[in-house]
PDB file of N, CA and C in Angstrom:
ATOM      1  N   MET A   1     -12.475   5.097  -2.600  1.00  0.00           N
ATOM      2  CA  MET A   1     -12.316   6.390  -1.958  1.00  0.00           C
ATOM      3  C   MET A   1     -11.355   6.248  -0.779  1.00  0.00           C
ATOM      4  N   ASN A   2     -10.458   7.189  -0.638  1.00  0.00           N
ATOM      5  CA  ASN A   2      -9.531   7.202   0.480  1.00  0.00           C
ATOM      6  C   ASN A   2      -9.742   8.482   1.269  1.00  0.00           C
ATOM      7  N   ALA A   3      -9.873   8.358   2.559  1.00  0.00           N
ATOM      8  CA  ALA A   3      -9.980   9.533   3.419  1.00  0.00           C
ATOM      9  C   ALA A   3      -8.745   9.553   4.302  1.00  0.00           C
ATOM     10  N   LEU A   4      -8.050  10.643   4.312  1.00  0.00           N
ATOM     11  CA  LEU A   4      -6.806  10.750   5.052  1.00  0.00           C
ATOM     12  C   LEU A   4      -6.954  11.836   6.101  1.00  0.00           C
ATOM     13  N   LYS A   5      -6.784  11.472   7.365  1.00  0.00           N
ATOM     14  CA  LYS A   5      -6.868  12.453   8.444  1.00  0.00           C
ATOM     15  C   LYS A   5      -5.483  12.559   9.050  1.00  0.00           C
ATOM     16  N   LEU A   6      -4.839  13.664   8.844  1.00  0.00           N
ATOM     17  CA  LEU A   6      -3.540  13.850   9.448  1.00  0.00           C
ATOM     18  C   LEU A   6      -3.226  15.320   9.549  1.00  0.00           C
ATOM     19  N   ARG A   7      -2.253  15.608  10.369  1.00  0.00           N
ATOM     20  CA  ARG A   7      -1.810  16.984  10.486  1.00  0.00           C
ATOM     21  C   ARG A   7      -1.109  17.349   9.183  1.00  0.00           C
ATOM     22  N   PRO A   8      -1.078  18.619   8.840  1.00  0.00           N
ATOM     23  CA  PRO A   8      -0.493  18.970   7.551  1.00  0.00           C
ATOM     24  C   PRO A   8       0.984  18.618   7.420  1.00  0.00           C
ATOM     25  N   PHE A   9       1.724  18.593   8.547  1.00  0.00           N
ATOM     26  CA  PHE A   9       3.145  18.280   8.497  1.00  0.00           C
ATOM     27  C   PHE A   9       3.421  16.960   9.199  1.00  0.00           C
ATOM     28  N   VAL A  10       4.108  16.064   8.518  1.00  0.00           N
ATOM     29  CA  VAL A  10       4.454  14.755   9.056  1.00  0.00           C
ATOM     30  C   VAL A  10       5.975  14.653   9.083  1.00  0.00           C
ATOM     31  N   PRO A  11       6.579  14.229  10.213  1.00  0.00           N
ATOM     32  CA  PRO A  11       8.033  14.132  10.302  1.00  0.00           C
ATOM     33  C   PRO A  11       8.571  12.927   9.531  1.00  0.00           C
ATOM     34  N   SER A  12       9.751  13.078   8.939  1.00  0.00           N
ATOM     35  CA  SER A  12      10.337  12.013   8.127  1.00  0.00           C
ATOM     36  C   SER A  12      11.173  11.039   8.928  1.00  0.00           C
ATOM     37  N   GLY A  13      11.591  11.405  10.127  1.00  0.00           N
ATOM     38  CA  GLY A  13      12.533  10.574  10.857  1.00  0.00           C
ATOM     39  C   GLY A  13      13.948  10.838  10.380  1.00  0.00           C
ATOM     40  N   ALA A  14      14.848   9.934  10.708  1.00  0.00           N
ATOM     41  CA  ALA A  14      16.276  10.135  10.430  1.00  0.00           C
ATOM     42  C   ALA A  14      16.617  10.058   8.943  1.00  0.00           C
ATOM     43  N   ASP A  15      15.814   9.358   8.157  1.00  0.00           N
ATOM     44  CA  ASP A  15      16.139   9.153   6.740  1.00  0.00           C
ATOM     45  C   ASP A  15      15.019   9.721   5.857  1.00  0.00           C
ATOM     46  N   TYR A  16      15.196  10.954   5.451  1.00  0.00           N
ATOM     47  CA  TYR A  16      14.195  11.671   4.641  1.00  0.00           C
ATOM     48  C   TYR A  16      13.946  10.966   3.302  1.00  0.00           C
ATOM     49  N   ALA A  17      15.014  10.518   2.641  1.00  0.00           N
ATOM     50  CA  ALA A  17      14.870   9.845   1.347  1.00  0.00           C
ATOM     51  C   ALA A  17      14.102   8.537   1.504  1.00  0.00           C
ATOM     52  N   LEU A  18      14.362   7.797   2.573  1.00  0.00           N
ATOM     53  CA  LEU A  18      13.646   6.552   2.832  1.00  0.00           C
ATOM     54  C   LEU A  18      12.161   6.830   3.062  1.00  0.00           C
ATOM     55  N   ALA A  19      11.851   7.858   3.830  1.00  0.00           N
ATOM     56  CA  ALA A  19      10.451   8.212   4.081  1.00  0.00           C
ATOM     57  C   ALA A  19       9.747   8.579   2.775  1.00  0.00           C
ATOM     58  N   GLN A  20      10.424   9.301   1.895  1.00  0.00           N
ATOM     59  CA  GLN A  20       9.829   9.649   0.606  1.00  0.00           C
ATOM     60  C   GLN A  20       9.535   8.392  -0.207  1.00  0.00           C
ATOM     61  N   ARG A  21      10.494   7.489  -0.292  1.00  0.00           N
ATOM     62  CA  ARG A  21      10.297   6.244  -1.053  1.00  0.00           C
ATOM     63  C   ARG A  21       9.163   5.415  -0.454  1.00  0.00           C
ATOM     64  N   PHE A  22       9.074   5.379   0.878  1.00  0.00           N
ATOM     65  CA  PHE A  22       8.027   4.633   1.563  1.00  0.00           C
ATOM     66  C   PHE A  22       6.646   5.122   1.130  1.00  0.00           C
ATOM     67  N   PHE A  23       6.432   6.428   1.173  1.00  0.00           N
ATOM     68  CA  PHE A  23       5.128   6.974   0.779  1.00  0.00           C
ATOM     69  C   PHE A  23       4.838   6.729  -0.700  1.00  0.00           C
ATOM     70  N   GLU A  24       5.851   6.883  -1.545  1.00  0.00           N
ATOM     71  CA  GLU A  24       5.642   6.637  -2.977  1.00  0.00           C
ATOM     72  C   GLU A  24       5.285   5.179  -3.246  1.00  0.00           C
ATOM     73  N   GLU A  25       5.985   4.248  -2.597  1.00  0.00           N
ATOM     74  CA  GLU A  25       5.707   2.837  -2.825  1.00  0.00           C
ATOM     75  C   GLU A  25       4.327   2.443  -2.311  1.00  0.00           C
ATOM     76  N   LEU A  26       3.848   3.134  -1.282  1.00  0.00           N
ATOM     77  CA  LEU A  26       2.490   2.872  -0.791  1.00  0.00           C
ATOM     78  C   LEU A  26       1.422   3.385  -1.754  1.00  0.00           C
ATOM     79  N   GLY A  27       1.795   4.255  -2.679  1.00  0.00           N
ATOM     80  CA  GLY A  27       0.825   4.745  -3.653  1.00  0.00           C
ATOM     81  C   GLY A  27       0.518   6.219  -3.582  1.00  0.00           C
ATOM     82  N   PHE A  28       1.222   6.955  -2.720  1.00  0.00           N
ATOM     83  CA  PHE A  28       1.046   8.397  -2.646  1.00  0.00           C
ATOM     84  C   PHE A  28       1.800   9.050  -3.808  1.00  0.00           C
ATOM     85  N   GLU A  29       1.243  10.090  -4.355  1.00  0.00           N
ATOM     86  CA  GLU A  29       1.889  10.827  -5.440  1.00  0.00           C
ATOM     87  C   GLU A  29       2.720  11.962  -4.852  1.00  0.00           C
ATOM     88  N   LYS A  30       4.006  11.995  -5.230  1.00  0.00           N
ATOM     89  CA  LYS A  30       4.854  13.097  -4.769  1.00  0.00           C
ATOM     90  C   LYS A  30       4.652  14.270  -5.722  1.00  0.00           C
ATOM     91  N   ARG A  31       4.136  15.382  -5.190  1.00  0.00           N
ATOM     92  CA  ARG A  31       3.813  16.557  -6.008  1.00  0.00           C
ATOM     93  C   ARG A  31       4.948  17.568  -6.020  1.00  0.00           C
ATOM     94  N   TYR A  32       5.800  17.543  -4.995  1.00  0.00           N
ATOM     95  CA  TYR A  32       6.884  18.510  -4.880  1.00  0.00           C
ATOM     96  C   TYR A  32       7.896  17.948  -3.888  1.00  0.00           C
ATOM     97  N   ALA A  33       9.169  18.264  -4.102  1.00  0.00           N
ATOM     98  CA  ALA A  33      10.184  17.873  -3.122  1.00  0.00           C
ATOM     99  C   ALA A  33      11.396  18.779  -3.227  1.00  0.00           C
ATOM    100  N   ASP A  34      11.924  19.144  -2.063  1.00  0.00           N
ATOM    101  CA  ASP A  34      13.225  19.791  -1.994  1.00  0.00           C
ATOM    102  C   ASP A  34      13.961  19.171  -0.810  1.00  0.00           C
ATOM    103  N   ALA A  35      15.027  19.770  -0.359  1.00  0.00           N
ATOM    104  CA  ALA A  35      15.844  19.170   0.692  1.00  0.00           C
ATOM    105  C   ALA A  35      15.159  19.117   2.048  1.00  0.00           C
ATOM    106  N   SER A  36      14.130  19.912   2.258  1.00  0.00           N
ATOM    107  CA  SER A  36      13.523  19.950   3.589  1.00  0.00           C
ATOM    108  C   SER A  36      12.034  19.615   3.617  1.00  0.00           C
ATOM    109  N   LEU A  37      11.375  19.549   2.456  1.00  0.00           N
ATOM    110  CA  LEU A  37       9.927  19.365   2.436  1.00  0.00           C
ATOM    111  C   LEU A  37       9.486  18.649   1.167  1.00  0.00           C
ATOM    112  N   SER A  38       8.546  17.709   1.305  1.00  0.00           N
ATOM    113  CA  SER A  38       7.913  17.045   0.162  1.00  0.00           C
ATOM    114  C   SER A  38       6.411  17.151   0.325  1.00  0.00           C
ATOM    115  N   VAL A  39       5.717  17.301  -0.774  1.00  0.00           N
ATOM    116  CA  VAL A  39       4.259  17.350  -0.752  1.00  0.00           C
ATOM    117  C   VAL A  39       3.747  16.062  -1.387  1.00  0.00           C
ATOM    118  N   PHE A  40       2.912  15.336  -0.646  1.00  0.00           N
ATOM    119  CA  PHE A  40       2.335  14.081  -1.124  1.00  0.00           C
ATOM    120  C   PHE A  40       0.826  14.204  -1.209  1.00  0.00           C
ATOM    121  N   ARG A  41       0.258  13.468  -2.156  1.00  0.00           N
ATOM    122  CA  ARG A  41      -1.182  13.506  -2.376  1.00  0.00           C
ATOM    123  C   ARG A  41      -1.691  12.079  -2.544  1.00  0.00           C
ATOM    124  N   LEU A  42      -2.868  11.854  -1.980  1.00  0.00           N
ATOM    125  CA  LEU A  42      -3.604  10.609  -2.181  1.00  0.00           C
ATOM    126  C   LEU A  42      -5.046  11.012  -2.395  1.00  0.00           C
ATOM    127  N   GLY A  43      -5.520  10.842  -3.608  1.00  0.00           N
ATOM    128  CA  GLY A  43      -6.870  11.311  -3.932  1.00  0.00           C
ATOM    129  C   GLY A  43      -6.925  12.817  -3.780  1.00  0.00           C
ATOM    130  N   GLU A  44      -7.860  13.292  -2.974  1.00  0.00           N
ATOM    131  CA  GLU A  44      -8.021  14.724  -2.755  1.00  0.00           C
ATOM    132  C   GLU A  44      -7.233  15.235  -1.553  1.00  0.00           C
ATOM    133  N   GLN A  45      -6.619  14.325  -0.806  1.00  0.00           N
ATOM    134  CA  GLN A  45      -5.926  14.706   0.422  1.00  0.00           C
ATOM    135  C   GLN A  45      -4.442  14.962   0.155  1.00  0.00           C
ATOM    136  N   GLU A  46      -3.904  15.940   0.851  1.00  0.00           N
ATOM    137  CA  GLU A  46      -2.510  16.310   0.664  1.00  0.00           C
ATOM    138  C   GLU A  46      -1.866  16.527   2.036  1.00  0.00           C
ATOM    139  N   PHE A  47      -0.584  16.191   2.139  1.00  0.00           N
ATOM    140  CA  PHE A  47       0.157  16.468   3.364  1.00  0.00           C
ATOM    141  C   PHE A  47       1.603  16.769   3.014  1.00  0.00           C
ATOM    142  N   TYR A  48       2.328  17.295   4.003  1.00  0.00           N
ATOM    143  CA  TYR A  48       3.702  17.737   3.816  1.00  0.00           C
ATOM    144  C   TYR A  48       4.623  16.887   4.675  1.00  0.00           C
ATOM    145  N   LEU A  49       5.540  16.203   4.031  1.00  0.00           N
ATOM    146  CA  LEU A  49       6.544  15.421   4.738  1.00  0.00           C
ATOM    147  C   LEU A  49       7.735  16.331   4.963  1.00  0.00           C
ATOM    148  N   GLN A  50       8.075  16.551   6.224  1.00  0.00           N
ATOM    149  CA  GLN A  50       9.187  17.445   6.511  1.00  0.00           C
ATOM    150  C   GLN A  50      10.427  16.651   6.908  1.00  0.00           C
ATOM    151  N   ASN A  51      11.565  17.125   6.494  1.00  0.00           N
ATOM    152  CA  ASN A  51      12.837  16.502   6.821  1.00  0.00           C
ATOM    153  C   ASN A  51      13.157  16.865   8.269  1.00  0.00           C
ATOM    154  N   TYR A  52      12.622  16.058   9.178  1.00  0.00           N
ATOM    155  CA  TYR A  52      12.715  16.372  10.604  1.00  0.00           C
ATOM    156  C   TYR A  52      12.803  15.076  11.387  1.00  0.00           C
ATOM    157  N   ASP A  53      13.754  14.997  12.294  1.00  0.00           N
ATOM    158  CA  ASP A  53      13.943  13.795  13.096  1.00  0.00           C
ATOM    159  C   ASP A  53      13.960  14.149  14.573  1.00  0.00           C
ATOM    160  N   ASN A  54      12.899  13.775  15.265  1.00  0.00           N
ATOM    161  CA  ASN A  54      12.800  13.952  16.704  1.00  0.00           C
ATOM    162  C   ASN A  54      11.827  12.883  17.181  1.00  0.00           C
ATOM    163  N   GLN A  55      12.360  11.831  17.825  1.00  0.00           N
ATOM    164  CA  GLN A  55      11.541  10.672  18.160  1.00  0.00           C
ATOM    165  C   GLN A  55      10.324  11.030  19.008  1.00  0.00           C
ATOM    166  N   ALA A  56      10.492  11.896  19.967  1.00  0.00           N
ATOM    167  CA  ALA A  56       9.351  12.277  20.813  1.00  0.00           C
ATOM    168  C   ALA A  56       8.267  12.946  19.968  1.00  0.00           C
ATOM    169  N   PHE A  57       8.676  13.748  19.000  1.00  0.00           N
ATOM    170  CA  PHE A  57       7.749  14.431  18.102  1.00  0.00           C
ATOM    171  C   PHE A  57       7.026  13.413  17.218  1.00  0.00           C
ATOM    172  N   GLN A  58       7.794  12.460  16.647  1.00  0.00           N
ATOM    173  CA  GLN A  58       7.201  11.450  15.776  1.00  0.00           C
ATOM    174  C   GLN A  58       6.171  10.603  16.521  1.00  0.00           C
ATOM    175  N   GLU A  59       6.451  10.293  17.773  1.00  0.00           N
ATOM    176  CA  GLU A  59       5.546   9.450  18.538  1.00  0.00           C
ATOM    177  C   GLU A  59       4.215  10.140  18.843  1.00  0.00           C
ATOM    178  N   GLN A  60       4.139  11.447  18.651  1.00  0.00           N
ATOM    179  CA  GLN A  60       2.896  12.172  18.876  1.00  0.00           C
ATOM    180  C   GLN A  60       1.999  12.169  17.645  1.00  0.00           C
ATOM    181  N   TYR A  61       2.514  11.705  16.517  1.00  0.00           N
ATOM    182  CA  TYR A  61       1.750  11.709  15.280  1.00  0.00           C
ATOM    183  C   TYR A  61       1.035  10.397  15.072  1.00  0.00           C
ATOM    184  N   MET A  62      -0.169  10.463  14.522  1.00  0.00           N
ATOM    185  CA  MET A  62      -0.880   9.277  14.106  1.00  0.00           C
ATOM    186  C   MET A  62      -1.572   9.606  12.793  1.00  0.00           C
ATOM    187  N   LEU A  63      -1.365   8.763  11.808  1.00  0.00           N
ATOM    188  CA  LEU A  63      -2.031   8.929  10.530  1.00  0.00           C
ATOM    189  C   LEU A  63      -3.212   7.979  10.492  1.00  0.00           C
ATOM    190  N   GLU A  64      -4.360   8.494  10.120  1.00  0.00           N
ATOM    191  CA  GLU A  64      -5.556   7.675   9.968  1.00  0.00           C
ATOM    192  C   GLU A  64      -5.937   7.694   8.501  1.00  0.00           C
ATOM    193  N   LEU A  65      -6.007   6.513   7.921  1.00  0.00           N
ATOM    194  CA  LEU A  65      -6.318   6.393   6.505  1.00  0.00           C
ATOM    195  C   LEU A  65      -7.468   5.410   6.341  1.00  0.00           C
ATOM    196  N   ALA A  66      -8.586   5.874   5.788  1.00  0.00           N
ATOM    197  CA  ALA A  66      -9.733   5.010   5.514  1.00  0.00           C
ATOM    198  C   ALA A  66      -9.671   4.618   4.045  1.00  0.00           C
ATOM    199  N   VAL A  67      -9.675   3.311   3.796  1.00  0.00           N
ATOM    200  CA  VAL A  67      -9.511   2.799   2.434  1.00  0.00           C
ATOM    201  C   VAL A  67     -10.644   1.846   2.079  1.00  0.00           C
ATOM    202  N   ASP A  68     -10.910   1.738   0.781  1.00  0.00           N
ATOM    203  CA  ASP A  68     -11.939   0.815   0.310  1.00  0.00           C
ATOM    204  C   ASP A  68     -11.468  -0.640   0.376  1.00  0.00           C
ATOM    205  N   ASP A  69     -10.179  -0.860   0.123  1.00  0.00           N
ATOM    206  CA  ASP A  69      -9.637  -2.214   0.019  1.00  0.00           C
ATOM    207  C   ASP A  69      -8.531  -2.413   1.051  1.00  0.00           C
ATOM    208  N   LEU A  70      -8.924  -2.705   2.283  1.00  0.00           N
ATOM    209  CA  LEU A  70      -7.941  -2.881   3.353  1.00  0.00           C
ATOM    210  C   LEU A  70      -7.016  -4.060   3.055  1.00  0.00           C
ATOM    211  N   ASP A  71      -7.547  -5.127   2.482  1.00  0.00           N
ATOM    212  CA  ASP A  71      -6.721  -6.296   2.180  1.00  0.00           C
ATOM    213  C   ASP A  71      -5.652  -5.965   1.140  1.00  0.00           C
ATOM    214  N   GLY A  72      -5.993  -5.131   0.174  1.00  0.00           N
ATOM    215  CA  GLY A  72      -5.026  -4.701  -0.836  1.00  0.00           C
ATOM    216  C   GLY A  72      -3.898  -3.880  -0.227  1.00  0.00           C
ATOM    217  N   TRP A  73      -4.266  -2.955   0.663  1.00  0.00           N
ATOM    218  CA  TRP A  73      -3.256  -2.153   1.361  1.00  0.00           C
ATOM    219  C   TRP A  73      -2.392  -3.051   2.232  1.00  0.00           C
ATOM    220  N   TRP A  74      -3.019  -4.003   2.937  1.00  0.00           N
ATOM    221  CA  TRP A  74      -2.248  -4.899   3.792  1.00  0.00           C
ATOM    222  C   TRP A  74      -1.253  -5.710   2.968  1.00  0.00           C
ATOM    223  N   ALA A  75      -1.664  -6.193   1.815  1.00  0.00           N
ATOM    224  CA  ALA A  75      -0.760  -6.976   0.964  1.00  0.00           C
ATOM    225  C   ALA A  75       0.460  -6.142   0.571  1.00  0.00           C
ATOM    226  N   ARG A  76       0.238  -4.887   0.235  1.00  0.00           N
ATOM    227  CA  ARG A  76       1.351  -3.996  -0.131  1.00  0.00           C
ATOM    228  C   ARG A  76       2.278  -3.754   1.070  1.00  0.00           C
ATOM    229  N   ILE A  77       1.686  -3.477   2.219  1.00  0.00           N
ATOM    230  CA  ILE A  77       2.475  -3.223   3.437  1.00  0.00           C
ATOM    231  C   ILE A  77       3.265  -4.472   3.834  1.00  0.00           C
ATOM    232  N   GLU A  78       2.613  -5.628   3.803  1.00  0.00           N
ATOM    233  CA  GLU A  78       3.269  -6.869   4.178  1.00  0.00           C
ATOM    234  C   GLU A  78       4.449  -7.172   3.255  1.00  0.00           C
ATOM    235  N   ALA A  79       4.269  -6.953   1.951  1.00  0.00           N
ATOM    236  CA  ALA A  79       5.362  -7.185   0.989  1.00  0.00           C
ATOM    237  C   ALA A  79       6.526  -6.231   1.261  1.00  0.00           C
ATOM    238  N   MET A  80       6.219  -4.974   1.583  1.00  0.00           N
ATOM    239  CA  MET A  80       7.270  -3.999   1.880  1.00  0.00           C
ATOM    240  C   MET A  80       8.015  -4.392   3.150  1.00  0.00           C
ATOM    241  N   ALA A  81       7.299  -4.856   4.164  1.00  0.00           N
ATOM    242  CA  ALA A  81       7.924  -5.254   5.429  1.00  0.00           C
ATOM    243  C   ALA A  81       8.792  -6.502   5.236  1.00  0.00           C
ATOM    244  N   ARG A  82       8.325  -7.449   4.416  1.00  0.00           N
ATOM    245  CA  ARG A  82       9.098  -8.670   4.148  1.00  0.00           C
ATOM    246  C   ARG A  82      10.380  -8.371   3.394  1.00  0.00           C
ATOM    247  N   SER A  83      10.343  -7.360   2.532  1.00  0.00           N
ATOM    248  CA  SER A  83      11.521  -7.042   1.721  1.00  0.00           C
ATOM    249  C   SER A  83      12.652  -6.470   2.570  1.00  0.00           C
ATOM    250  N   GLU A  84      12.354  -6.076   3.785  1.00  0.00           N
ATOM    251  CA  GLU A  84      13.303  -5.470   4.713  1.00  0.00           C
ATOM    252  C   GLU A  84      13.880  -4.153   4.192  1.00  0.00           C
ATOM    253  N   ALA A  85      13.300  -3.610   3.121  1.00  0.00           N
ATOM    254  CA  ALA A  85      13.741  -2.313   2.599  1.00  0.00           C
ATOM    255  C   ALA A  85      13.257  -1.180   3.497  1.00  0.00           C
ATOM    256  N   TYR A  86      12.171  -1.450   4.218  1.00  0.00           N
ATOM    257  CA  TYR A  86      11.580  -0.430   5.076  1.00  0.00           C
ATOM    258  C   TYR A  86      11.457  -0.975   6.491  1.00  0.00           C
ATOM    259  N   PRO A  87      12.249  -0.463   7.426  1.00  0.00           N
ATOM    260  CA  PRO A  87      12.102  -0.927   8.802  1.00  0.00           C
ATOM    261  C   PRO A  87      10.767  -0.437   9.375  1.00  0.00           C
ATOM    262  N   MET A  88       9.881  -1.371   9.655  1.00  0.00           N
ATOM    263  CA  MET A  88       8.579  -1.000  10.202  1.00  0.00           C
ATOM    264  C   MET A  88       8.018  -2.162  10.999  1.00  0.00           C
ATOM    265  N   LYS A  89       7.045  -1.855  11.818  1.00  0.00           N
ATOM    266  CA  LYS A  89       6.301  -2.871  12.550  1.00  0.00           C
ATOM    267  C   LYS A  89       4.869  -2.808  12.035  1.00  0.00           C
ATOM    268  N   ALA A  90       4.327  -3.954  11.660  1.00  0.00           N
ATOM    269  CA  ALA A  90       2.965  -3.969  11.132  1.00  0.00           C
ATOM    270  C   ALA A  90       2.198  -5.133  11.748  1.00  0.00           C
ATOM    271  N   LYS A  91       0.935  -4.880  12.028  1.00  0.00           N
ATOM    272  CA  LYS A  91       0.046  -5.897  12.584  1.00  0.00           C
ATOM    273  C   LYS A  91      -1.054  -6.152  11.566  1.00  0.00           C
ATOM    274  N   GLU A  92      -1.247  -7.413  11.237  1.00  0.00           N
ATOM    275  CA  GLU A  92      -2.220  -7.775  10.200  1.00  0.00           C
ATOM    276  C   GLU A  92      -3.620  -7.267  10.543  1.00  0.00           C
ATOM    277  N   PRO A  93      -4.501  -7.254   9.541  1.00  0.00           N
ATOM    278  CA  PRO A  93      -5.857  -6.739   9.782  1.00  0.00           C
ATOM    279  C   PRO A  93      -6.528  -7.417  10.973  1.00  0.00           C
ATOM    280  N   THR A  94      -7.108  -6.583  11.817  1.00  0.00           N
ATOM    281  CA  THR A  94      -7.790  -7.042  13.022  1.00  0.00           C
ATOM    282  C   THR A  94      -9.244  -6.617  12.941  1.00  0.00           C
ATOM    283  N   LEU A  95     -10.138  -7.546  13.238  1.00  0.00           N
ATOM    284  CA  LEU A  95     -11.566  -7.236  13.309  1.00  0.00           C
ATOM    285  C   LEU A  95     -11.904  -6.964  14.764  1.00  0.00           C
ATOM    286  N   PHE A  96     -12.331  -5.753  15.040  1.00  0.00           N
ATOM    287  CA  PHE A  96     -12.679  -5.377  16.405  1.00  0.00           C
ATOM    288  C   PHE A  96     -14.131  -5.740  16.699  1.00  0.00           C
ATOM    289  N   PRO A  97     -14.473  -5.917  17.985  1.00  0.00           N
ATOM    290  CA  PRO A  97     -15.831  -6.329  18.360  1.00  0.00           C
ATOM    291  C   PRO A  97     -16.922  -5.404  17.816  1.00  0.00           C
ATOM    292  N   TRP A  98     -16.609  -4.152  17.596  1.00  0.00           N
ATOM    293  CA  TRP A  98     -17.621  -3.215  17.100  1.00  0.00           C
ATOM    294  C   TRP A  98     -17.734  -3.259  15.576  1.00  0.00           C
ATOM    295  N   GLY A  99     -17.032  -4.221  14.927  1.00  0.00           N
ATOM    296  CA  GLY A  99     -17.204  -4.466  13.505  1.00  0.00           C
ATOM    297  C   GLY A  99     -16.250  -3.737  12.584  1.00  0.00           C
ATOM    298  N   LYS A 100     -15.301  -3.020  13.114  1.00  0.00           N
ATOM    299  CA  LYS A 100     -14.358  -2.267  12.286  1.00  0.00           C
ATOM    300  C   LYS A 100     -13.062  -3.059  12.128  1.00  0.00           C
ATOM    301  N   ARG A 101     -12.605  -3.161  10.896  1.00  0.00           N
ATOM    302  CA  ARG A 101     -11.318  -3.814  10.631  1.00  0.00           C
ATOM    303  C   ARG A 101     -10.245  -2.750  10.461  1.00  0.00           C
ATOM    304  N   GLU A 102      -9.075  -2.982  11.067  1.00  0.00           N
ATOM    305  CA  GLU A 102      -7.970  -2.029  10.978  1.00  0.00           C
ATOM    306  C   GLU A 102      -6.643  -2.749  10.837  1.00  0.00           C
ATOM    307  N   VAL A 103      -5.698  -2.056  10.214  1.00  0.00           N
ATOM    308  CA  VAL A 103      -4.293  -2.453  10.183  1.00  0.00           C
ATOM    309  C   VAL A 103      -3.538  -1.372  10.933  1.00  0.00           C
ATOM    310  N   HIS A 104      -2.664  -1.777  11.838  1.00  0.00           N
ATOM    311  CA  HIS A 104      -1.829  -0.823  12.571  1.00  0.00           C
ATOM    312  C   HIS A 104      -0.385  -1.052  12.180  1.00  0.00           C
ATOM    313  N   LEU A 105       0.346   0.043  11.982  1.00  0.00           N
ATOM    314  CA  LEU A 105       1.762  -0.093  11.700  1.00  0.00           C
ATOM    315  C   LEU A 105       2.517   1.118  12.219  1.00  0.00           C
ATOM    316  N   ILE A 106       3.801   0.912  12.453  1.00  0.00           N
ATOM    317  CA  ILE A 106       4.722   1.989  12.777  1.00  0.00           C
ATOM    318  C   ILE A 106       5.635   2.106  11.569  1.00  0.00           C
ATOM    319  N   ASP A 107       5.592   3.239  10.891  1.00  0.00           N
ATOM    320  CA  ASP A 107       6.354   3.397   9.653  1.00  0.00           C
ATOM    321  C   ASP A 107       7.848   3.610   9.940  1.00  0.00           C
ATOM    322  N   PRO A 108       8.687   3.680   8.899  1.00  0.00           N
ATOM    323  CA  PRO A 108      10.130   3.824   9.116  1.00  0.00           C
ATOM    324  C   PRO A 108      10.524   5.061   9.921  1.00  0.00           C
ATOM    325  N   ALA A 109       9.676   6.077   9.961  1.00  0.00           N
ATOM    326  CA  ALA A 109       9.978   7.294  10.720  1.00  0.00           C
ATOM    327  C   ALA A 109       9.534   7.186  12.175  1.00  0.00           C
ATOM    328  N   GLY A 110       8.809   6.116  12.508  1.00  0.00           N
ATOM    329  CA  GLY A 110       8.304   5.964  13.866  1.00  0.00           C
ATOM    330  C   GLY A 110       6.905   6.517  14.056  1.00  0.00           C
ATOM    331  N   VAL A 111       6.234   6.866  12.966  1.00  0.00           N
ATOM    332  CA  VAL A 111       4.872   7.401  13.022  1.00  0.00           C
ATOM    333  C   VAL A 111       3.878   6.242  12.996  1.00  0.00           C
ATOM    334  N   CYS A 112       2.872   6.306  13.876  1.00  0.00           N
ATOM    335  CA  CYS A 112       1.848   5.269  13.978  1.00  0.00           C
ATOM    336  C   CYS A 112       0.754   5.505  12.928  1.00  0.00           C
ATOM    337  N   TRP A 113       0.372   4.440  12.245  1.00  0.00           N
ATOM    338  CA  TRP A 113      -0.699   4.483  11.255  1.00  0.00           C
ATOM    339  C   TRP A 113      -1.857   3.606  11.710  1.00  0.00           C
ATOM    340  N   HIS A 114      -3.080   4.062  11.428  1.00  0.00           N
ATOM    341  CA  HIS A 114      -4.282   3.269  11.582  1.00  0.00           C
ATOM    342  C   HIS A 114      -4.983   3.294  10.231  1.00  0.00           C
ATOM    343  N   LEU A 115      -5.001   2.153   9.555  1.00  0.00           N
ATOM    344  CA  LEU A 115      -5.715   2.023   8.288  1.00  0.00           C
ATOM    345  C   LEU A 115      -6.989   1.271   8.570  1.00  0.00           C
ATOM    346  N   SER A 116      -8.118   1.816   8.142  1.00  0.00           N
ATOM    347  CA  SER A 116      -9.392   1.141   8.382  1.00  0.00           C
ATOM    348  C   SER A 116     -10.195   1.112   7.097  1.00  0.00           C
ATOM    349  N   GLU A 117     -11.112   0.159   7.045  1.00  0.00           N
ATOM    350  CA  GLU A 117     -11.994   0.038   5.882  1.00  0.00           C
ATOM    351  C   GLU A 117     -13.103   1.067   5.959  1.00  0.00           C
ATOM    352  N   THR A 118     -13.405   1.645   4.811  1.00  0.00           N
ATOM    353  CA  THR A 118     -14.574   2.522   4.760  1.00  0.00           C
ATOM    354  C   THR A 118     -15.814   1.628   4.790  1.00  0.00           C
ATOM    355  N   PRO A 119     -16.866   2.096   5.426  1.00  0.00           N
ATOM    356  CA  PRO A 119     -18.079   1.257   5.509  1.00  0.00           C
ATOM    357  C   PRO A 119     -18.726   1.065   4.155  1.00  0.00           C
TER     358      PRO A 119
END
């Protein structure tokens, strides 16, 4: 089960096509796309990637994704980061004192992600 908490519109950054490929390679299904907007789905959750580049705006966004297999997601993210196809910053899974494991990354658009394991 994946739970996705995000605002309905997510900025793409300077490279809209790169942002689309990034989400698809992570496993999101692209349901619709035109020159200014793409609709992505993961399980029952849906969001809109907008062709918009404003760094201050992007820095205000945070995507929270709860996943069953954090190690599987980390392996995919790490492989994407190593390939240098996607400029991003990623921090390997961290176990916090309160028992929650998370992966933090800044995606190619500059949006911060928090991926955590579902209990």
